[in-house]
Amino acid sequence: MPWAAMRSPERRFTRTAPDTIAAAVEVCRRRLIGVSDTPWLDARVLASHVTGLDASAVVAYGEHRLPARRREELEALTSRRVAGEPIAYLVGFKEFCGLRVRVDRRVLVPRPETEELVAAVVDDWRGRQAEILDLGTGSAAIACALANLLPKVNVVATDISDAALQVAADNVARFALGDRIELLKGDLFDPLAPDRRFDVIIANLPYVRADDADLTPDVRAHEPAVALDAGPDGLAVYRRMFERAPSRLRDGGRVYCECGPATAAGLADIARGAFPTASVSVRSDLAGRERMVLVA
């Protein structure tokens, strides 16, 4: 939206209403204290979304008047955020590995720890040709990031959800990666030809236990349950995956899995059972929490 349009007074402001961008952002920030771990950041992101300004311009133009229509939109989004809706759903995207990935309630919001999973693959396969299988692709954030960062790889991405694959297809098209990412509908390996094998299997499958205290109420309320819940021990989906993974991995191939701290040890045991001669390791994220199981 042109800044000139932002500056033109569209309505008369009331005496008590915040009439500048900075004042509106501050009202938003205060409402989010105790709700969000990052109230100032969330307020700026929402203000950027409603004004069309980038985050730095929101600050730089803070003393400019905010039209009433934009202020009302910001207030409505803030109320949704107070109710626990993820910020990414409110603005329609999530920054992930340098890409602005579109997301909505049909898919999980990509997490920072998933960026670390992608980084592990990039470190191992940089400059090399590889066929990669992304299981449970969701928004295709992993598939798009890998295809973008590793120009010599091709990615097959599967998901059981038609709705998720619609979002994935949108992202693949937006990043012009359709010639290197193939999206397939089905459960885990089901959509693949019987003899198709891969150099890399990467999986961010459901790993939330039924009693997982780490899953916050807002995530359970707003993000798709099919992408979260994995039975009483959080390993039901991964257990099925590892039953079939050995027949899908090429010699010298590797498996990269995201998990939760509560499921890491159990997942590593399952991986060792499936690949008894391989090296299975558990890797922690930057916060020191066990979040990845790697098979090499």
Protein backbone atom coordinates (compact mmCIF):
# COMPACT_ATOMS: atom_id res chain seq x y z
CA MET A 1 0.00 0.00 0.00
CA PRO A 2 1.51 3.43 -0.90
CA TRP A 3 2.64 5.43 2.10
CA ALA A 4 0.78 8.47 0.79
CA ALA A 5 -2.46 6.59 1.31
CA MET A 6 -1.44 5.84 4.88
CA ARG A 7 -0.94 9.54 5.60
CA SER A 8 -4.29 10.76 4.32
CA PRO A 9 -6.85 11.04 7.15
CA GLU A 10 -9.66 8.65 6.31
CA ARG A 11 -11.76 9.25 9.42
CA ARG A 12 -11.90 11.59 12.35
CA PHE A 13 -10.17 10.02 15.36
CA THR A 14 -11.68 10.07 18.81
CA ARG A 15 -9.87 11.87 21.57
CA THR A 16 -8.94 8.64 23.40
CA ALA A 17 -8.06 6.48 20.37
CA PRO A 18 -4.38 5.95 19.50
CA ASP A 19 -3.91 8.00 16.34
CA THR A 20 -0.31 7.18 15.44
CA ILE A 21 1.36 3.97 14.38
CA ALA A 22 3.61 4.03 17.44
CA ALA A 23 0.68 4.50 19.82
CA ALA A 24 -1.28 1.68 18.19
CA VAL A 25 1.72 -0.64 18.35
CA GLU A 26 2.16 0.18 22.04
CA VAL A 27 -1.49 -0.63 22.78
CA CYS A 28 -1.04 -3.93 20.96
CA ARG A 29 2.18 -4.69 22.85
CA ARG A 30 0.57 -4.06 26.23
CA ARG A 31 -2.37 -6.34 25.44
CA LEU A 32 0.04 -9.13 24.51
CA ILE A 33 2.11 -8.99 27.70
CA GLY A 34 1.60 -12.30 29.50
CA VAL A 35 0.05 -13.81 26.38
CA SER A 36 3.05 -13.89 24.07
CA ASP A 37 6.71 -14.46 24.92
CA THR A 38 7.53 -11.72 22.40
CA PRO A 39 4.84 -9.03 22.74
CA TRP A 40 6.92 -6.24 21.18
CA LEU A 41 7.91 -8.37 18.19
CA ASP A 42 4.34 -9.60 17.70
CA ALA A 43 3.01 -6.05 17.83
CA ARG A 44 5.47 -4.90 15.17
CA VAL A 45 4.71 -7.89 12.93
CA LEU A 46 0.97 -7.24 13.15
CA ALA A 47 1.44 -3.53 12.53
CA SER A 48 3.64 -4.30 9.53
CA HIS A 49 0.92 -6.58 8.18
CA VAL A 50 -1.90 -4.03 8.44
CA THR A 51 0.11 -1.03 7.19
CA GLY A 52 2.09 -2.71 4.42
CA LEU A 53 5.29 -1.29 5.89
CA ASP A 54 8.27 -3.42 6.77
CA ALA A 55 9.26 -3.77 10.42
CA SER A 56 11.88 -1.02 10.33
CA ALA A 57 9.46 1.40 8.64
CA VAL A 58 6.88 0.74 11.34
CA VAL A 59 9.37 2.24 13.77
CA ALA A 60 10.68 4.94 11.44
CA TYR A 61 7.18 6.19 10.60
CA GLY A 62 5.84 5.67 14.10
CA GLU A 63 4.68 9.27 14.51
CA HIS A 64 2.52 9.18 11.39
CA ARG A 65 -1.21 8.88 11.86
CA LEU A 66 -2.75 5.43 11.49
CA PRO A 67 -6.08 5.49 9.62
CA ALA A 68 -9.02 4.28 11.68
CA ARG A 69 -9.66 1.38 9.33
CA ARG A 70 -6.11 0.11 9.81
CA ARG A 71 -6.29 0.66 13.55
CA GLU A 72 -9.47 -1.41 13.77
CA GLU A 73 -7.82 -4.18 11.75
CA LEU A 74 -4.84 -4.15 14.11
CA GLU A 75 -7.15 -4.30 17.13
CA ALA A 76 -9.02 -7.28 15.65
CA LEU A 77 -5.80 -9.17 14.94
CA THR A 78 -4.52 -8.39 18.42
CA SER A 79 -7.70 -9.85 19.93
CA ARG A 80 -7.17 -13.04 17.94
CA ARG A 81 -3.57 -13.19 19.14
CA VAL A 82 -4.72 -12.69 22.74
CA ALA A 83 -7.02 -15.68 22.21
CA GLY A 84 -3.95 -17.77 21.34
CA GLU A 85 -4.01 -17.83 17.55
CA PRO A 86 -0.45 -18.16 16.17
CA ILE A 87 1.00 -14.97 14.76
CA ALA A 88 1.87 -16.80 11.53
CA TYR A 89 -1.79 -17.62 10.89
CA LEU A 90 -2.75 -13.99 11.48
CA VAL A 91 -0.33 -12.62 8.89
CA GLY A 92 -0.39 -15.68 6.60
CA PHE A 93 3.29 -16.54 6.51
CA LYS A 94 6.30 -17.69 8.50
CA GLU A 95 9.93 -16.88 7.78
CA PHE A 96 11.76 -20.19 7.40
CA CYS A 97 15.34 -20.73 6.25
CA GLY A 98 15.29 -17.44 4.37
CA LEU A 99 11.94 -18.09 2.70
CA ARG A 100 8.59 -16.49 3.48
CA VAL A 101 6.46 -19.64 3.65
CA ARG A 102 2.70 -19.28 3.43
CA VAL A 103 0.81 -20.98 6.24
CA ASP A 104 -2.71 -21.17 7.58
CA ARG A 105 -4.75 -23.45 9.82
CA ARG A 106 -4.42 -26.34 7.36
CA VAL A 107 -0.74 -26.82 8.29
CA LEU A 108 1.59 -26.57 11.25
CA VAL A 109 3.60 -23.39 11.73
CA PRO A 110 7.28 -24.19 10.95
CA ARG A 111 9.45 -24.04 14.06
CA PRO A 112 13.04 -22.86 14.61
CA GLU A 113 14.08 -26.39 15.54
CA THR A 114 12.92 -27.54 12.11
CA GLU A 115 15.32 -25.03 10.60
CA GLU A 116 18.06 -26.83 12.53
CA LEU A 117 16.92 -30.15 11.03
CA VAL A 118 17.19 -28.61 7.56
CA ALA A 119 20.64 -27.25 8.46
CA ALA A 120 21.82 -30.77 9.36
CA VAL A 121 20.85 -32.02 5.91
CA VAL A 122 22.44 -29.02 4.19
CA ASP A 123 25.70 -29.54 6.10
CA ASP A 124 25.89 -33.18 5.01
CA TRP A 125 24.81 -32.78 1.36
CA ARG A 126 26.04 -29.35 0.28
CA GLY A 127 27.37 -29.50 -3.29
CA ARG A 128 26.21 -33.08 -3.79
CA GLN A 129 23.50 -34.58 -5.93
CA ALA A 130 20.79 -36.36 -3.97
CA GLU A 131 17.24 -37.63 -4.10
CA ILE A 132 15.43 -36.51 -0.96
CA LEU A 133 12.15 -37.80 0.47
CA ASP A 134 10.27 -35.40 2.77
CA LEU A 135 7.65 -37.33 4.73
CA GLY A 136 4.68 -35.41 6.15
CA THR A 137 5.58 -32.27 4.24
CA GLY A 138 2.72 -30.07 5.48
CA SER A 139 3.36 -26.58 4.07
CA ALA A 140 6.39 -27.93 2.14
CA ALA A 141 8.62 -25.63 4.20
CA ILE A 142 11.30 -28.33 4.51
CA ALA A 143 11.07 -29.36 0.86
CA CYS A 144 11.28 -25.77 -0.39
CA ALA A 145 14.14 -24.88 1.94
CA LEU A 146 16.19 -27.90 0.88
CA ALA A 147 15.56 -27.35 -2.83
CA ASN A 148 16.48 -23.69 -2.41
CA LEU A 149 19.65 -24.32 -0.40
CA LEU A 150 20.83 -27.43 -2.27
CA PRO A 151 20.56 -26.71 -6.01
CA LYS A 152 21.67 -30.23 -7.02
CA VAL A 153 18.94 -32.12 -5.16
CA ASN A 154 15.46 -33.22 -6.13
CA VAL A 155 12.75 -33.64 -3.50
CA VAL A 156 9.69 -35.87 -3.30
CA ALA A 157 7.30 -34.69 -0.60
CA THR A 158 4.35 -36.73 0.67
CA ASP A 159 1.45 -35.92 2.95
CA ILE A 160 -1.77 -37.65 3.89
CA SER A 161 -3.76 -34.40 3.98
CA ASP A 162 -5.31 -32.95 0.83
CA ALA A 163 -5.66 -29.61 2.61
CA ALA A 164 -1.98 -29.51 3.56
CA LEU A 165 -0.95 -30.40 0.01
CA GLN A 166 -2.92 -27.42 -1.29
CA VAL A 167 -0.77 -25.14 0.87
CA ALA A 168 2.36 -27.05 -0.15
CA ALA A 169 1.55 -26.65 -3.84
CA ASP A 170 1.08 -22.93 -3.34
CA ASN A 171 4.49 -22.59 -1.75
CA VAL A 172 6.25 -24.72 -4.36
CA ALA A 173 4.75 -22.52 -7.07
CA ARG A 174 5.59 -19.28 -5.28
CA PHE A 175 9.26 -20.22 -5.05
CA ALA A 176 9.33 -21.57 -8.63
CA LEU A 177 10.55 -24.99 -7.47
CA GLY A 178 8.04 -27.15 -9.30
CA ASP A 179 10.71 -28.66 -11.53
CA ARG A 180 12.56 -30.06 -8.50
CA ILE A 181 9.82 -30.80 -5.95
CA GLU A 182 7.23 -33.50 -6.54
CA LEU A 183 4.20 -33.53 -4.24
CA LEU A 184 2.39 -36.83 -3.67
CA LYS A 185 -0.77 -37.61 -1.70
CA GLY A 186 -0.68 -40.55 0.67
CA ASP A 187 0.47 -41.98 3.98
CA LEU A 188 4.25 -42.05 4.38
CA PHE A 189 5.73 -44.24 1.58
CA ASP A 190 2.39 -45.35 0.10
CA PRO A 191 2.39 -43.00 -2.93
CA LEU A 192 5.83 -44.14 -4.09
CA ALA A 193 6.66 -46.74 -6.72
CA PRO A 194 7.67 -50.00 -4.98
CA ASP A 195 11.32 -49.83 -6.03
CA ARG A 196 11.95 -46.11 -5.50
CA ARG A 197 14.80 -45.31 -3.09
CA PHE A 198 16.37 -42.14 -1.76
CA ASP A 199 19.66 -40.75 -0.50
CA VAL A 200 17.91 -38.80 2.25
CA ILE A 201 14.73 -39.40 4.19
CA ILE A 202 13.74 -36.39 6.27
CA ALA A 203 10.70 -36.53 8.52
CA ASN A 204 8.96 -34.07 10.78
CA LEU A 205 6.12 -36.43 11.64
CA PRO A 206 3.68 -36.21 14.55
CA TYR A 207 5.52 -36.81 17.83
CA VAL A 208 3.24 -35.38 20.52
CA ARG A 209 2.27 -37.79 23.32
CA ALA A 210 -1.27 -37.83 24.58
CA ASP A 211 -0.11 -36.41 27.94
CA ASP A 212 2.63 -34.12 26.60
CA ALA A 213 2.87 -31.15 28.97
CA ASP A 214 5.10 -29.28 26.51
CA LEU A 215 2.23 -28.83 24.06
CA THR A 216 0.68 -25.49 24.93
CA PRO A 217 -3.11 -25.09 24.88
CA ASP A 218 -2.97 -22.52 22.07
CA VAL A 219 -1.10 -24.94 19.78
CA ARG A 220 -3.57 -27.74 20.51
CA ALA A 221 -6.50 -25.36 19.96
CA HIS A 222 -5.36 -23.85 16.67
CA GLU A 223 -2.94 -26.15 14.82
CA PRO A 224 -4.05 -29.33 13.02
CA ALA A 225 -4.26 -32.33 15.33
CA VAL A 226 -3.41 -34.76 12.53
CA ALA A 227 0.05 -33.17 12.36
CA LEU A 228 0.61 -33.31 16.12
CA ASP A 229 -0.87 -36.34 17.86
CA ALA A 230 1.09 -39.60 17.77
CA GLY A 231 -0.50 -41.89 20.32
CA PRO A 232 0.20 -42.56 23.99
CA ASP A 233 4.00 -42.56 23.66
CA GLY A 234 4.32 -40.08 20.79
CA LEU A 235 5.98 -42.67 18.55
CA ALA A 236 3.12 -44.37 16.70
CA VAL A 237 3.75 -42.67 13.34
CA TYR A 238 7.54 -42.91 13.54
CA ARG A 239 7.28 -46.58 14.47
CA ARG A 240 5.37 -47.23 11.23
CA MET A 241 7.85 -45.13 9.28
CA PHE A 242 10.92 -47.01 10.50
CA GLU A 243 9.33 -50.37 9.71
CA ARG A 244 9.58 -49.45 6.03
CA ALA A 245 12.44 -46.94 5.88
CA PRO A 246 15.28 -49.48 5.32
CA SER A 247 13.77 -50.60 2.03
CA ARG A 248 13.55 -47.01 0.84
CA LEU A 249 17.09 -45.85 1.64
CA ARG A 250 19.96 -46.17 -0.80
CA ASP A 251 23.37 -47.45 0.28
CA GLY A 252 25.14 -44.58 2.02
CA GLY A 253 21.86 -42.80 2.63
CA ARG A 254 20.81 -41.01 5.80
CA VAL A 255 17.64 -40.43 7.81
CA TYR A 256 16.89 -37.16 9.64
CA CYS A 257 13.97 -36.97 12.09
CA GLU A 258 12.59 -34.20 14.25
CA CYS A 259 11.22 -35.24 17.64
CA GLY A 260 10.46 -33.89 21.09
CA PRO A 261 12.71 -34.16 24.14
CA ALA A 262 10.29 -36.66 25.65
CA THR A 263 10.42 -38.94 22.60
CA ALA A 264 14.06 -38.65 21.51
CA ALA A 265 15.38 -41.68 23.39
CA GLY A 266 12.50 -43.91 22.32
CA LEU A 267 12.82 -42.80 18.72
CA ALA A 268 16.55 -43.51 18.74
CA ASP A 269 15.84 -47.06 19.98
CA ILE A 270 13.34 -47.59 17.16
CA ALA A 271 15.88 -46.29 14.64
CA ARG A 272 18.57 -48.66 15.96
CA GLY A 273 16.19 -51.57 15.61
CA ALA A 274 15.48 -50.65 12.00
CA PHE A 275 19.13 -49.94 11.12
CA PRO A 276 21.18 -52.20 13.43
CA THR A 277 24.49 -51.60 11.62
CA ALA A 278 24.09 -47.83 11.21
CA SER A 279 25.21 -44.99 13.44
CA VAL A 280 22.20 -43.54 15.27
CA SER A 281 22.66 -40.27 17.14
CA VAL A 282 20.47 -37.88 19.10
CA ARG A 283 21.18 -34.21 18.50
CA SER A 284 20.12 -31.25 20.62
CA ASP A 285 18.84 -27.93 19.34
CA LEU A 286 20.38 -24.56 20.16
CA ALA A 287 18.41 -24.50 23.41
CA GLY A 288 20.05 -27.76 24.52
CA ARG A 289 16.91 -29.87 24.12
CA GLU A 290 17.08 -33.23 22.33
CA ARG A 291 15.15 -32.58 19.13
CA MET A 292 16.66 -34.70 16.34
CA VAL A 293 17.47 -38.34 15.67
CA LEU A 294 19.92 -38.97 12.81
CA VAL A 295 20.74 -42.27 11.11
CA ALA A 296 23.93 -42.48 9.06
